[in-house]
C-alpha atoms as a PDB file:
ATOM      1  CA  UNK A   1     119.880 111.509  73.607  1.00  0.00           C
ATOM      2  CA  UNK A   2     120.808 110.573  70.056  1.00  0.00           C
ATOM      3  CA  UNK A   3     117.604 111.416  68.501  1.00  0.00           C
ATOM      4  CA  UNK A   4     118.463 115.147  68.708  1.00  0.00           C
ATOM      5  CA  UNK A   5     121.782 114.569  66.928  1.00  0.00           C
ATOM      6  CA  UNK A   6     120.071 112.354  64.314  1.00  0.00           C
ATOM      7  CA  UNK A   7     117.526 114.989  63.652  1.00  0.00           C
ATOM      8  CA  UNK A   8     119.943 117.784  63.492  1.00  0.00           C
ATOM      9  CA  UNK A   9     122.238 115.887  61.217  1.00  0.00           C
ATOM     10  CA  UNK A  10     119.316 115.233  58.921  1.00  0.00           C
ATOM     11  CA  UNK A  11     118.532 118.845  58.645  1.00  0.00           C
ATOM     12  CA  UNK A  12     122.284 119.855  58.096  1.00  0.00           C
ATOM     13  CA  UNK A  13     122.707 117.215  55.286  1.00  0.00           C
ATOM     14  CA  UNK A  14     119.150 117.216  53.858  1.00  0.00           C
ATOM     15  CA  UNK A  15     117.942 120.700  54.266  1.00  0.00           C
ATOM     16  CA  UNK A  16     115.801 120.581  51.115  1.00  0.00           C
ATOM     17  CA  UNK A  17     113.128 118.332  52.524  1.00  0.00           C
ATOM     18  CA  UNK A  18     109.641 119.651  53.661  1.00  0.00           C
ATOM     19  CA  UNK A  19     110.687 123.004  54.899  1.00  0.00           C
ATOM     20  CA  UNK A  20     107.508 123.856  56.815  1.00  0.00           C
ATOM     21  CA  UNK A  21     107.665 120.835  59.044  1.00  0.00           C
ATOM     22  CA  UNK A  22     111.324 121.164  59.468  1.00  0.00           C
ATOM     23  CA  UNK A  23     111.470 124.647  61.254  1.00  0.00           C
ATOM     24  CA  UNK A  24     109.804 123.599  64.468  1.00  0.00           C
ATOM     25  CA  UNK A  25     111.544 120.154  64.577  1.00  0.00           C
ATOM     26  CA  UNK A  26     114.931 121.698  63.908  1.00  0.00           C
ATOM     27  CA  UNK A  27     114.386 124.058  66.791  1.00  0.00           C
ATOM     28  CA  UNK A  28     113.424 121.139  69.028  1.00  0.00           C
ATOM     29  CA  UNK A  29     116.447 119.220  67.979  1.00  0.00           C
ATOM     30  CA  UNK A  30     118.634 122.208  68.465  1.00  0.00           C
ATOM     31  CA  UNK A  31     117.231 122.690  72.123  1.00  0.00           C
ATOM     32  CA  UNK A  32     117.761 119.055  72.890  1.00  0.00           C
ATOM     33  CA  UNK A  33     121.351 119.238  71.518  1.00  0.00           C
ATOM     34  CA  UNK A  34     122.088 122.285  73.527  1.00  0.00           C
ATOM     35  CA  UNK A  35     120.815 120.659  76.764  1.00  0.00           C
ATOM     36  CA  UNK A  36     123.215 117.784  75.846  1.00  0.00           C
ATOM     37  CA  UNK A  37     126.123 120.118  75.366  1.00  0.00           C
ATOM     38  CA  UNK A  38     125.441 121.823  78.641  1.00  0.00           C
ATOM     39  CA  UNK A  39     125.786 118.331  80.341  1.00  0.00           C
ATOM     40  CA  UNK A  40     129.298 118.131  79.004  1.00  0.00           C
ATOM     41  CA  UNK A  41     128.800 115.859  75.902  1.00  0.00           C
ATOM     42  CA  UNK A  42     131.508 117.009  73.686  1.00  0.00           C
ATOM     43  CA  UNK A  43     130.129 115.767  70.253  1.00  0.00           C
ATOM     44  CA  UNK A  44     126.982 117.957  70.973  1.00  0.00           C
ATOM     45  CA  UNK A  45     129.317 120.929  71.740  1.00  0.00           C
ATOM     46  CA  UNK A  46     131.109 120.507  68.390  1.00  0.00           C
ATOM     47  CA  UNK A  47     127.816 120.224  66.588  1.00  0.00           C
ATOM     48  CA  UNK A  48     126.622 123.323  68.168  1.00  0.00           C
ATOM     49  CA  UNK A  49     129.783 124.987  67.065  1.00  0.00           C
ATOM     50  CA  UNK A  50     129.161 123.922  63.565  1.00  0.00           C
ATOM     51  CA  UNK A  51     125.630 125.168  63.716  1.00  0.00           C
ATOM     52  CA  UNK A  52     126.792 128.575  64.993  1.00  0.00           C
ATOM     53  CA  UNK A  53     129.574 128.833  62.530  1.00  0.00           C
ATOM     54  CA  UNK A  54     127.343 128.226  59.484  1.00  0.00           C
ATOM     55  CA  UNK A  55     124.084 129.780  60.694  1.00  0.00           C
ATOM     56  CA  UNK A  56     122.136 126.517  60.714  1.00  0.00           C
ATOM     57  CA  UNK A  57     120.067 127.652  63.564  1.00  0.00           C
ATOM     58  CA  UNK A  58     119.635 131.394  63.528  1.00  0.00           C
ATOM     59  CA  UNK A  59     122.343 133.781  62.253  1.00  0.00           C
ATOM     60  CA  UNK A  60     126.136 132.932  61.905  1.00  0.00           C
ATOM     61  CA  UNK A  61     127.998 133.534  65.016  1.00  0.00           C
ATOM     62  CA  UNK A  62     131.608 132.779  64.713  1.00  0.00           C
ATOM     63  CA  UNK A  63     132.313 133.885  68.267  1.00  0.00           C
ATOM     64  CA  UNK A  64     129.806 131.385  69.756  1.00  0.00           C
ATOM     65  CA  UNK A  65     131.117 128.637  67.366  1.00  0.00           C
ATOM     66  CA  UNK A  66     134.629 129.435  68.711  1.00  0.00           C
ATOM     67  CA  UNK A  67     133.422 128.983  72.311  1.00  0.00           C
ATOM     68  CA  UNK A  68     131.724 125.778  71.671  1.00  0.00           C
ATOM     69  CA  UNK A  69     134.748 124.223  69.932  1.00  0.00           C
ATOM     70  CA  UNK A  70     137.045 125.491  72.773  1.00  0.00           C
ATOM     71  CA  UNK A  71     134.639 123.886  75.260  1.00  0.00           C
ATOM     72  CA  UNK A  72     134.840 120.594  73.486  1.00  0.00           C
ATOM     73  CA  UNK A  73     138.648 120.890  72.902  1.00  0.00           C
ATOM     74  CA  UNK A  74     139.249 121.623  76.621  1.00  0.00           C
ATOM     75  CA  UNK A  75     137.415 118.324  77.559  1.00  0.00           C
ATOM     76  CA  UNK A  76     139.750 116.386  75.215  1.00  0.00           C
ATOM     77  CA  UNK A  77     137.465 116.113  72.135  1.00  0.00           C
ATOM     78  CA  UNK A  78     139.815 115.600  69.134  1.00  0.00           C
ATOM     79  CA  UNK A  79     137.370 117.053  66.690  1.00  0.00           C
ATOM     80  CA  UNK A  80     136.813 119.903  68.921  1.00  0.00           C
ATOM     81  CA  UNK A  81     140.542 120.437  69.166  1.00  0.00           C
ATOM     82  CA  UNK A  82     140.912 120.276  65.202  1.00  0.00           C
ATOM     83  CA  UNK A  83     138.017 122.812  64.808  1.00  0.00           C
ATOM     84  CA  UNK A  84     139.564 125.100  67.582  1.00  0.00           C
ATOM     85  CA  UNK A  85     142.856 125.045  65.792  1.00  0.00           C
ATOM     86  CA  UNK A  86     141.099 125.906  62.395  1.00  0.00           C
ATOM     87  CA  UNK A  87     139.483 128.790  64.243  1.00  0.00           C
ATOM     88  CA  UNK A  88     142.880 130.085  65.346  1.00  0.00           C
ATOM     89  CA  UNK A  89     144.465 129.438  61.885  1.00  0.00           C
ATOM     90  CA  UNK A  90     141.750 131.106  59.854  1.00  0.00           C
ATOM     91  CA  UNK A  91     140.486 133.631  62.332  1.00  0.00           C
ATOM     92  CA  UNK A  92     137.055 132.167  62.895  1.00  0.00           C
ATOM     93  CA  UNK A  93     135.592 133.884  65.896  1.00  0.00           C
ATOM     94  CA  UNK A  94     139.008 134.826  67.259  1.00  0.00           C
ATOM     95  CA  UNK A  95     142.190 136.635  66.014  1.00  0.00           C
ATOM     96  CA  UNK A  96     144.117 134.551  63.402  1.00  0.00           C
ATOM     97  CA  UNK A  97     147.296 132.907  64.793  1.00  0.00           C
ATOM     98  CA  UNK A  98     149.483 131.197  62.159  1.00  0.00           C
ATOM     99  CA  UNK A  99     151.532 129.396  64.777  1.00  0.00           C
ATOM    100  CA  UNK A 100     148.531 127.001  65.251  1.00  0.00           C
ATOM    101  CA  UNK A 101     149.219 125.120  61.991  1.00  0.00           C
ATOM    102  CA  UNK A 102     151.097 122.607  64.047  1.00  0.00           C
ATOM    103  CA  UNK A 103     148.039 121.990  66.164  1.00  0.00           C
ATOM    104  CA  UNK A 104     145.987 121.477  63.064  1.00  0.00           C
ATOM    105  CA  UNK A 105     148.459 118.865  61.815  1.00  0.00           C
ATOM    106  CA  UNK A 106     148.586 117.174  65.219  1.00  0.00           C
ATOM    107  CA  UNK A 107     144.791 116.944  65.502  1.00  0.00           C
ATOM    108  CA  UNK A 108     144.414 115.699  61.824  1.00  0.00           C
ATOM    109  CA  UNK A 109     146.996 112.949  62.454  1.00  0.00           C
ATOM    110  CA  UNK A 110     145.051 111.781  65.611  1.00  0.00           C
ATOM    111  CA  UNK A 111     141.785 111.684  63.692  1.00  0.00           C
ATOM    112  CA  UNK A 112     143.050 109.304  61.013  1.00  0.00           C
END
């Protein structure tokens, strides 16, 4: 379960290493992470949102990022709630809504 997350984190934070071997391993890690997210594991959902938002796997897709963050947030994940609030505040994958600044503050407080 956690090996997919560990591999994907390595690629996100250490993307300069051995590019030829990484492509297939990155894809496999992404597929495992997606399977975990589909079982309801919220941290995997947030990570997939980050991947979609920044184009870590494939092209950038802010609408898909928004959906993953919303899925995690709806299940009570605080990081998912924070990222969802940021999507609303900055218009990432959804129309911008300034009234969600309070939601960002609330989530940030709970994270720390």
